[in-house]
Amino acid sequence: MSTSSPRPIIVTRQDFDRLTALIREARRTRSEDRENLDALQKELDQAEIVGSDQIPPDVITMNSTASVRTEGGGRGQRWTVVYPEEADFDEGRISVLAPLGTALLGYRAGDTIEWDVPAGRRRYHITKVMHQPEAAGEFDR
C-alpha cells in the first residue's frame, strides 16, 4: 500500500483518537481484517494531526464525501468514508477499514494516490471533496 503523494496524510485529533481505538478493538475481534488494520495504522503513524478547526476544507476526514476517479478509466465515483458499522457499498459509504477507505482518508482534492485493492494496484485521483463535516461545522459526528 503506497501513495504517490509526498506528504503525510492530515487527520483531525478526533478522527485519530477514534480510529486508534477502532484499530485496538478490531485487532481483538476482527482477525480477518489484520492487513487492513495494519495499513490504516501505518497511515495514522505518519499522519499530521491537527485540530478539527484547523483541517483544510479539501481534506477527506471521517464522514467526508469525495468524488474519485480511477486513473485510466471511466467516470468518477462518489464515496463517503465511514466507520465499519455504517458502511454500505451500494449507498457509496465505504468503510475506513476497506482498502479504498484507508487510501482516501487524509488526502486532498487534487491528490493522486496509488493503493492495493482486491482487484490489484490502482491509481485514484481525488477530484473534489463535496462534503467535509468539519468545514460544515459538524464537529460531533
N, C-alpha and C. Protein backbone atom coordinates (compact mmCIF):
# COMPACT_ATOMS: atom_id res chain seq x y z
N MET A 1 0.83 -1.16 0.00
CA MET A 1 0.00 0.00 0.00
C MET A 1 0.89 1.23 0.00
N SER A 2 0.73 2.01 -1.03
CA SER A 2 1.59 3.19 -1.12
C SER A 2 0.82 4.33 -1.73
N THR A 3 1.45 5.46 -1.70
CA THR A 3 0.83 6.65 -2.26
C THR A 3 1.85 7.41 -3.08
N SER A 4 1.39 8.12 -4.07
CA SER A 4 2.30 8.93 -4.86
C SER A 4 2.40 10.34 -4.30
N SER A 5 1.62 10.63 -3.26
CA SER A 5 1.67 11.94 -2.63
C SER A 5 2.87 11.99 -1.68
N PRO A 6 3.75 13.01 -1.79
CA PRO A 6 4.96 13.05 -0.98
C PRO A 6 4.73 13.47 0.47
N ARG A 7 3.59 13.99 0.79
CA ARG A 7 3.36 14.48 2.15
C ARG A 7 2.52 13.48 2.95
N PRO A 8 2.61 13.57 4.28
CA PRO A 8 1.78 12.68 5.10
C PRO A 8 0.32 13.09 4.99
N ILE A 9 -0.54 12.16 5.34
CA ILE A 9 -1.96 12.50 5.36
C ILE A 9 -2.22 13.46 6.51
N ILE A 10 -3.35 14.15 6.45
CA ILE A 10 -3.76 15.08 7.50
C ILE A 10 -5.01 14.49 8.15
N VAL A 11 -4.98 14.37 9.47
CA VAL A 11 -6.08 13.76 10.21
C VAL A 11 -6.40 14.65 11.42
N THR A 12 -7.68 14.79 11.71
CA THR A 12 -8.03 15.56 12.91
C THR A 12 -7.69 14.74 14.16
N ARG A 13 -7.47 15.41 15.26
CA ARG A 13 -7.19 14.73 16.53
C ARG A 13 -8.35 13.81 16.88
N GLN A 14 -9.58 14.27 16.67
CA GLN A 14 -10.77 13.46 16.98
C GLN A 14 -10.78 12.18 16.14
N ASP A 15 -10.55 12.30 14.83
CA ASP A 15 -10.51 11.10 13.98
C ASP A 15 -9.36 10.19 14.39
N PHE A 16 -8.20 10.77 14.67
CA PHE A 16 -7.04 9.97 15.07
C PHE A 16 -7.36 9.16 16.32
N ASP A 17 -7.93 9.80 17.33
CA ASP A 17 -8.26 9.11 18.57
C ASP A 17 -9.30 8.01 18.35
N ARG A 18 -10.34 8.31 17.60
CA ARG A 18 -11.40 7.32 17.35
C ARG A 18 -10.88 6.15 16.52
N LEU A 19 -10.06 6.46 15.51
CA LEU A 19 -9.52 5.39 14.66
C LEU A 19 -8.50 4.53 15.40
N THR A 20 -7.72 5.14 16.26
CA THR A 20 -6.77 4.36 17.07
C THR A 20 -7.53 3.39 17.98
N ALA A 21 -8.61 3.86 18.59
CA ALA A 21 -9.44 2.99 19.43
C ALA A 21 -10.10 1.89 18.59
N LEU A 22 -10.56 2.23 17.39
CA LEU A 22 -11.16 1.24 16.49
C LEU A 22 -10.15 0.16 16.14
N ILE A 23 -8.95 0.55 15.81
CA ILE A 23 -7.90 -0.42 15.46
C ILE A 23 -7.62 -1.34 16.64
N ARG A 24 -7.46 -0.76 17.82
CA ARG A 24 -7.18 -1.54 19.03
C ARG A 24 -8.28 -2.58 19.27
N GLU A 25 -9.54 -2.15 19.18
CA GLU A 25 -10.67 -3.06 19.39
C GLU A 25 -10.75 -4.10 18.27
N ALA A 26 -10.59 -3.68 17.05
CA ALA A 26 -10.71 -4.60 15.91
C ALA A 26 -9.61 -5.65 15.91
N ARG A 27 -8.43 -5.31 16.40
CA ARG A 27 -7.35 -6.31 16.48
C ARG A 27 -7.75 -7.47 17.40
N ARG A 28 -8.59 -7.19 18.39
CA ARG A 28 -9.05 -8.25 19.30
C ARG A 28 -10.20 -9.07 18.70
N THR A 29 -11.00 -8.45 17.85
CA THR A 29 -12.24 -9.10 17.42
C THR A 29 -12.34 -9.40 15.93
N ARG A 30 -11.48 -8.83 15.09
CA ARG A 30 -11.64 -8.97 13.64
C ARG A 30 -10.33 -9.43 12.99
N SER A 31 -9.94 -10.65 13.26
CA SER A 31 -8.66 -11.14 12.73
C SER A 31 -8.64 -11.16 11.21
N GLU A 32 -9.80 -11.23 10.57
CA GLU A 32 -9.84 -11.25 9.11
C GLU A 32 -9.45 -9.90 8.50
N ASP A 33 -9.45 -8.84 9.29
CA ASP A 33 -9.11 -7.51 8.80
C ASP A 33 -7.67 -7.10 9.12
N ARG A 34 -6.84 -8.03 9.55
CA ARG A 34 -5.49 -7.72 10.02
C ARG A 34 -4.71 -6.86 9.01
N GLU A 35 -4.72 -7.22 7.75
CA GLU A 35 -3.96 -6.47 6.74
C GLU A 35 -4.48 -5.04 6.61
N ASN A 36 -5.78 -4.89 6.60
CA ASN A 36 -6.37 -3.54 6.50
C ASN A 36 -6.10 -2.72 7.76
N LEU A 37 -6.15 -3.36 8.91
CA LEU A 37 -5.84 -2.66 10.16
C LEU A 37 -4.38 -2.18 10.16
N ASP A 38 -3.49 -3.03 9.69
CA ASP A 38 -2.07 -2.65 9.62
C ASP A 38 -1.87 -1.47 8.68
N ALA A 39 -2.57 -1.48 7.55
CA ALA A 39 -2.45 -0.38 6.58
C ALA A 39 -2.95 0.94 7.18
N LEU A 40 -4.09 0.89 7.87
CA LEU A 40 -4.62 2.10 8.49
C LEU A 40 -3.68 2.59 9.59
N GLN A 41 -3.16 1.67 10.39
CA GLN A 41 -2.24 2.06 11.46
C GLN A 41 -1.00 2.72 10.88
N LYS A 42 -0.49 2.18 9.78
CA LYS A 42 0.70 2.77 9.13
C LYS A 42 0.42 4.20 8.67
N GLU A 43 -0.75 4.41 8.09
CA GLU A 43 -1.12 5.75 7.65
C GLU A 43 -1.22 6.70 8.85
N LEU A 44 -1.85 6.25 9.92
CA LEU A 44 -2.01 7.10 11.11
C LEU A 44 -0.67 7.41 11.76
N ASP A 45 0.24 6.43 11.74
CA ASP A 45 1.57 6.63 12.33
C ASP A 45 2.33 7.75 11.64
N GLN A 46 2.05 8.00 10.37
CA GLN A 46 2.76 9.01 9.59
C GLN A 46 1.95 10.29 9.41
N ALA A 47 0.76 10.32 9.99
CA ALA A 47 -0.17 11.44 9.77
C ALA A 47 0.26 12.71 10.49
N GLU A 48 -0.12 13.83 9.90
CA GLU A 48 -0.06 15.12 10.57
C GLU A 48 -1.38 15.28 11.30
N ILE A 49 -1.35 15.46 12.61
CA ILE A 49 -2.56 15.56 13.42
C ILE A 49 -2.86 17.03 13.67
N VAL A 50 -4.10 17.44 13.38
CA VAL A 50 -4.49 18.84 13.57
C VAL A 50 -5.84 18.89 14.30
N GLY A 51 -6.15 20.05 14.84
CA GLY A 51 -7.45 20.25 15.47
C GLY A 51 -8.55 20.27 14.42
N SER A 52 -9.76 19.92 14.81
CA SER A 52 -10.89 19.91 13.87
C SER A 52 -11.12 21.27 13.23
N ASP A 53 -10.79 22.34 13.95
CA ASP A 53 -10.97 23.69 13.41
C ASP A 53 -9.79 24.13 12.54
N GLN A 54 -8.78 23.28 12.40
CA GLN A 54 -7.59 23.61 11.61
C GLN A 54 -7.45 22.78 10.34
N ILE A 55 -8.33 21.83 10.13
CA ILE A 55 -8.21 20.95 8.96
C ILE A 55 -8.62 21.71 7.70
N PRO A 56 -7.79 21.68 6.66
CA PRO A 56 -8.19 22.34 5.41
C PRO A 56 -9.49 21.72 4.87
N PRO A 57 -10.36 22.52 4.27
CA PRO A 57 -11.68 22.03 3.85
C PRO A 57 -11.65 21.05 2.68
N ASP A 58 -10.50 20.87 2.03
CA ASP A 58 -10.42 19.95 0.89
C ASP A 58 -9.78 18.62 1.27
N VAL A 59 -9.65 18.34 2.57
CA VAL A 59 -9.07 17.08 3.05
C VAL A 59 -10.21 16.11 3.39
N ILE A 60 -10.03 14.85 3.04
CA ILE A 60 -11.03 13.82 3.34
C ILE A 60 -10.83 13.37 4.79
N THR A 61 -11.83 13.65 5.62
CA THR A 61 -11.87 13.21 7.01
C THR A 61 -12.94 12.14 7.12
N MET A 62 -13.12 11.59 8.31
CA MET A 62 -14.20 10.64 8.50
C MET A 62 -15.53 11.32 8.20
N ASN A 63 -16.39 10.62 7.50
CA ASN A 63 -17.72 11.08 7.09
C ASN A 63 -17.68 12.16 6.01
N SER A 64 -16.52 12.31 5.36
CA SER A 64 -16.43 13.21 4.20
C SER A 64 -16.88 12.46 2.95
N THR A 65 -17.42 13.21 2.01
CA THR A 65 -17.82 12.66 0.72
C THR A 65 -16.95 13.28 -0.36
N ALA A 66 -16.39 12.43 -1.21
CA ALA A 66 -15.48 12.91 -2.26
C ALA A 66 -15.79 12.24 -3.58
N SER A 67 -15.47 12.94 -4.64
CA SER A 67 -15.54 12.39 -5.98
C SER A 67 -14.15 11.88 -6.33
N VAL A 68 -14.10 10.62 -6.75
CA VAL A 68 -12.83 9.95 -7.02
C VAL A 68 -12.90 9.29 -8.39
N ARG A 69 -11.84 9.48 -9.16
CA ARG A 69 -11.77 8.87 -10.49
C ARG A 69 -10.62 7.89 -10.53
N THR A 70 -10.87 6.69 -11.04
CA THR A 70 -9.79 5.73 -11.25
C THR A 70 -9.00 6.18 -12.46
N GLU A 71 -7.69 6.31 -12.31
CA GLU A 71 -6.86 6.76 -13.42
C GLU A 71 -6.95 5.77 -14.57
N GLY A 72 -7.04 6.32 -15.76
CA GLY A 72 -7.06 5.49 -16.95
C GLY A 72 -8.41 4.88 -17.25
N GLY A 73 -9.43 5.29 -16.54
CA GLY A 73 -10.70 4.67 -16.85
C GLY A 73 -11.89 5.40 -16.29
N GLY A 74 -12.90 5.38 -17.07
CA GLY A 74 -14.25 5.69 -16.66
C GLY A 74 -14.53 6.98 -15.93
N ARG A 75 -15.75 7.03 -15.49
CA ARG A 75 -16.25 8.21 -14.81
C ARG A 75 -15.90 8.17 -13.34
N GLY A 76 -16.09 9.29 -12.70
CA GLY A 76 -15.81 9.37 -11.28
C GLY A 76 -16.88 8.68 -10.46
N GLN A 77 -16.51 8.33 -9.25
CA GLN A 77 -17.44 7.75 -8.31
C GLN A 77 -17.46 8.62 -7.07
N ARG A 78 -18.55 8.57 -6.36
CA ARG A 78 -18.72 9.36 -5.15
C ARG A 78 -18.67 8.42 -3.95
N TRP A 79 -17.76 8.71 -3.00
CA TRP A 79 -17.60 7.86 -1.83
C TRP A 79 -17.63 8.70 -0.56
N THR A 80 -18.24 8.15 0.48
CA THR A 80 -18.19 8.72 1.82
C THR A 80 -17.43 7.74 2.68
N VAL A 81 -16.36 8.20 3.35
CA VAL A 81 -15.54 7.35 4.21
C VAL A 81 -16.19 7.31 5.59
N VAL A 82 -16.56 6.09 6.03
CA VAL A 82 -17.32 5.93 7.27
C VAL A 82 -16.69 4.85 8.15
N TYR A 83 -17.18 4.75 9.39
CA TYR A 83 -16.78 3.68 10.29
C TYR A 83 -17.43 2.38 9.80
N PRO A 84 -16.82 1.23 10.11
CA PRO A 84 -17.28 -0.05 9.55
C PRO A 84 -18.77 -0.33 9.71
N GLU A 85 -19.35 0.00 10.87
CA GLU A 85 -20.77 -0.31 11.10
C GLU A 85 -21.70 0.55 10.25
N GLU A 86 -21.20 1.62 9.64
CA GLU A 86 -22.02 2.50 8.80
C GLU A 86 -21.83 2.22 7.31
N ALA A 87 -20.93 1.31 6.97
CA ALA A 87 -20.61 1.05 5.57
C ALA A 87 -21.78 0.44 4.81
N ASP A 88 -21.97 0.91 3.60
CA ASP A 88 -22.98 0.37 2.68
C ASP A 88 -22.48 0.68 1.27
N PHE A 89 -21.83 -0.29 0.67
CA PHE A 89 -21.20 -0.10 -0.64
C PHE A 89 -22.19 0.43 -1.68
N ASP A 90 -23.39 -0.14 -1.69
CA ASP A 90 -24.40 0.27 -2.67
C ASP A 90 -24.84 1.72 -2.50
N GLU A 91 -24.70 2.26 -1.28
CA GLU A 91 -25.06 3.65 -0.99
C GLU A 91 -23.85 4.58 -1.08
N GLY A 92 -22.69 4.04 -1.45
CA GLY A 92 -21.50 4.87 -1.59
C GLY A 92 -20.80 5.18 -0.28
N ARG A 93 -21.11 4.41 0.77
CA ARG A 93 -20.46 4.59 2.08
C ARG A 93 -19.43 3.47 2.25
N ILE A 94 -18.16 3.84 2.21
CA ILE A 94 -17.09 2.85 2.26
C ILE A 94 -16.38 2.90 3.61
N SER A 95 -16.18 1.71 4.17
CA SER A 95 -15.53 1.61 5.48
C SER A 95 -14.09 2.10 5.41
N VAL A 96 -13.68 2.77 6.46
CA VAL A 96 -12.29 3.19 6.58
C VAL A 96 -11.37 1.98 6.67
N LEU A 97 -11.92 0.81 7.00
CA LEU A 97 -11.11 -0.41 7.05
C LEU A 97 -11.01 -1.11 5.70
N ALA A 98 -11.80 -0.69 4.72
CA ALA A 98 -11.67 -1.21 3.36
C ALA A 98 -10.44 -0.56 2.73
N PRO A 99 -9.75 -1.26 1.84
CA PRO A 99 -8.56 -0.67 1.24
C PRO A 99 -8.78 0.72 0.64
N LEU A 100 -9.87 0.93 -0.08
CA LEU A 100 -10.11 2.24 -0.67
C LEU A 100 -10.42 3.28 0.40
N GLY A 101 -11.15 2.90 1.44
CA GLY A 101 -11.44 3.83 2.53
C GLY A 101 -10.17 4.31 3.21
N THR A 102 -9.27 3.37 3.51
CA THR A 102 -7.98 3.73 4.09
C THR A 102 -7.19 4.61 3.15
N ALA A 103 -7.24 4.28 1.86
CA ALA A 103 -6.48 5.04 0.87
C ALA A 103 -6.92 6.50 0.79
N LEU A 104 -8.21 6.75 0.93
CA LEU A 104 -8.73 8.10 0.76
C LEU A 104 -8.53 8.98 1.99
N LEU A 105 -8.58 8.41 3.17
CA LEU A 105 -8.52 9.17 4.41
C LEU A 105 -7.27 10.06 4.46
N GLY A 106 -7.50 11.35 4.69
CA GLY A 106 -6.40 12.27 4.91
C GLY A 106 -5.82 12.92 3.67
N TYR A 107 -6.27 12.49 2.50
CA TYR A 107 -5.77 13.10 1.28
C TYR A 107 -6.71 14.22 0.84
N ARG A 108 -6.24 15.00 -0.13
CA ARG A 108 -6.95 16.23 -0.53
C ARG A 108 -7.44 16.15 -1.97
N ALA A 109 -8.39 17.03 -2.25
CA ALA A 109 -8.82 17.21 -3.64
C ALA A 109 -7.58 17.57 -4.46
N GLY A 110 -7.43 16.93 -5.60
CA GLY A 110 -6.27 17.15 -6.45
C GLY A 110 -5.18 16.11 -6.29
N ASP A 111 -5.19 15.38 -5.17
CA ASP A 111 -4.19 14.33 -4.95
C ASP A 111 -4.46 13.13 -5.84
N THR A 112 -3.40 12.48 -6.24
CA THR A 112 -3.47 11.19 -6.92
C THR A 112 -2.75 10.20 -6.01
N ILE A 113 -3.43 9.10 -5.72
CA ILE A 113 -2.87 8.09 -4.82
C ILE A 113 -2.84 6.74 -5.53
N GLU A 114 -1.90 5.93 -5.14
CA GLU A 114 -1.79 4.55 -5.62
C GLU A 114 -2.05 3.65 -4.43
N TRP A 115 -2.88 2.63 -4.62
CA TRP A 115 -3.21 1.78 -3.49
C TRP A 115 -3.53 0.38 -3.96
N ASP A 116 -3.18 -0.61 -3.15
CA ASP A 116 -3.53 -2.01 -3.42
C ASP A 116 -4.96 -2.25 -2.95
N VAL A 117 -5.79 -2.72 -3.87
CA VAL A 117 -7.17 -3.11 -3.56
C VAL A 117 -7.33 -4.56 -4.00
N PRO A 118 -8.43 -5.21 -3.63
CA PRO A 118 -8.57 -6.62 -4.00
C PRO A 118 -8.37 -6.90 -5.50
N ALA A 119 -8.70 -5.95 -6.36
CA ALA A 119 -8.55 -6.16 -7.80
C ALA A 119 -7.13 -5.83 -8.30
N GLY A 120 -6.23 -5.46 -7.39
CA GLY A 120 -4.85 -5.13 -7.79
C GLY A 120 -4.52 -3.68 -7.45
N ARG A 121 -3.36 -3.23 -7.89
CA ARG A 121 -2.92 -1.86 -7.61
C ARG A 121 -3.67 -0.90 -8.53
N ARG A 122 -4.21 0.15 -7.94
CA ARG A 122 -4.98 1.15 -8.69
C ARG A 122 -4.47 2.53 -8.35
N ARG A 123 -4.63 3.44 -9.31
CA ARG A 123 -4.34 4.86 -9.10
C ARG A 123 -5.67 5.58 -9.08
N TYR A 124 -5.84 6.43 -8.07
CA TYR A 124 -7.07 7.19 -7.91
C TYR A 124 -6.74 8.68 -7.88
N HIS A 125 -7.58 9.45 -8.53
CA HIS A 125 -7.44 10.90 -8.49
C HIS A 125 -8.66 11.45 -7.74
N ILE A 126 -8.40 12.19 -6.69
CA ILE A 126 -9.48 12.80 -5.91
C ILE A 126 -9.83 14.12 -6.59
N THR A 127 -10.99 14.18 -7.20
CA THR A 127 -11.35 15.35 -7.99
C THR A 127 -11.98 16.45 -7.15
N LYS A 128 -12.73 16.06 -6.10
CA LYS A 128 -13.41 17.08 -5.31
C LYS A 128 -13.86 16.49 -3.98
N VAL A 129 -13.78 17.29 -2.93
CA VAL A 129 -14.39 16.94 -1.64
C VAL A 129 -15.70 17.71 -1.60
N MET A 130 -16.80 16.98 -1.71
CA MET A 130 -18.11 17.61 -1.77
C MET A 130 -18.66 17.97 -0.40
N HIS A 131 -18.29 17.18 0.60
CA HIS A 131 -18.75 17.45 1.97
C HIS A 131 -17.66 17.01 2.93
N GLN A 132 -17.31 17.90 3.82
CA GLN A 132 -16.41 17.57 4.92
C GLN A 132 -17.09 18.07 6.19
N PRO A 133 -17.33 17.19 7.16
CA PRO A 133 -18.06 17.60 8.36
C PRO A 133 -17.45 18.83 9.05
N GLU A 134 -16.14 18.87 9.17
CA GLU A 134 -15.50 19.98 9.87
C GLU A 134 -15.74 21.31 9.15
N ALA A 135 -15.67 21.30 7.83
CA ALA A 135 -15.93 22.52 7.06
C ALA A 135 -17.37 22.99 7.20
N ALA A 136 -18.27 22.01 7.44
CA ALA A 136 -19.69 22.34 7.62
C ALA A 136 -20.01 22.65 9.09
N GLY A 137 -19.00 22.68 9.95
CA GLY A 137 -19.22 22.98 11.36
C GLY A 137 -19.76 21.81 12.16
N GLU A 138 -19.66 20.61 11.60
CA GLU A 138 -20.17 19.39 12.27
C GLU A 138 -19.00 18.73 13.00
N PHE A 139 -18.75 19.15 14.22
CA PHE A 139 -17.59 18.63 14.97
C PHE A 139 -17.92 17.42 15.83
N ASP A 140 -19.18 17.10 16.02
CA ASP A 140 -19.58 15.98 16.88
C ASP A 140 -20.19 14.85 16.07
N ARG A 141 -19.48 14.32 15.14
CA ARG A 141 -20.03 13.26 14.30
C ARG A 141 -19.57 11.92 14.71
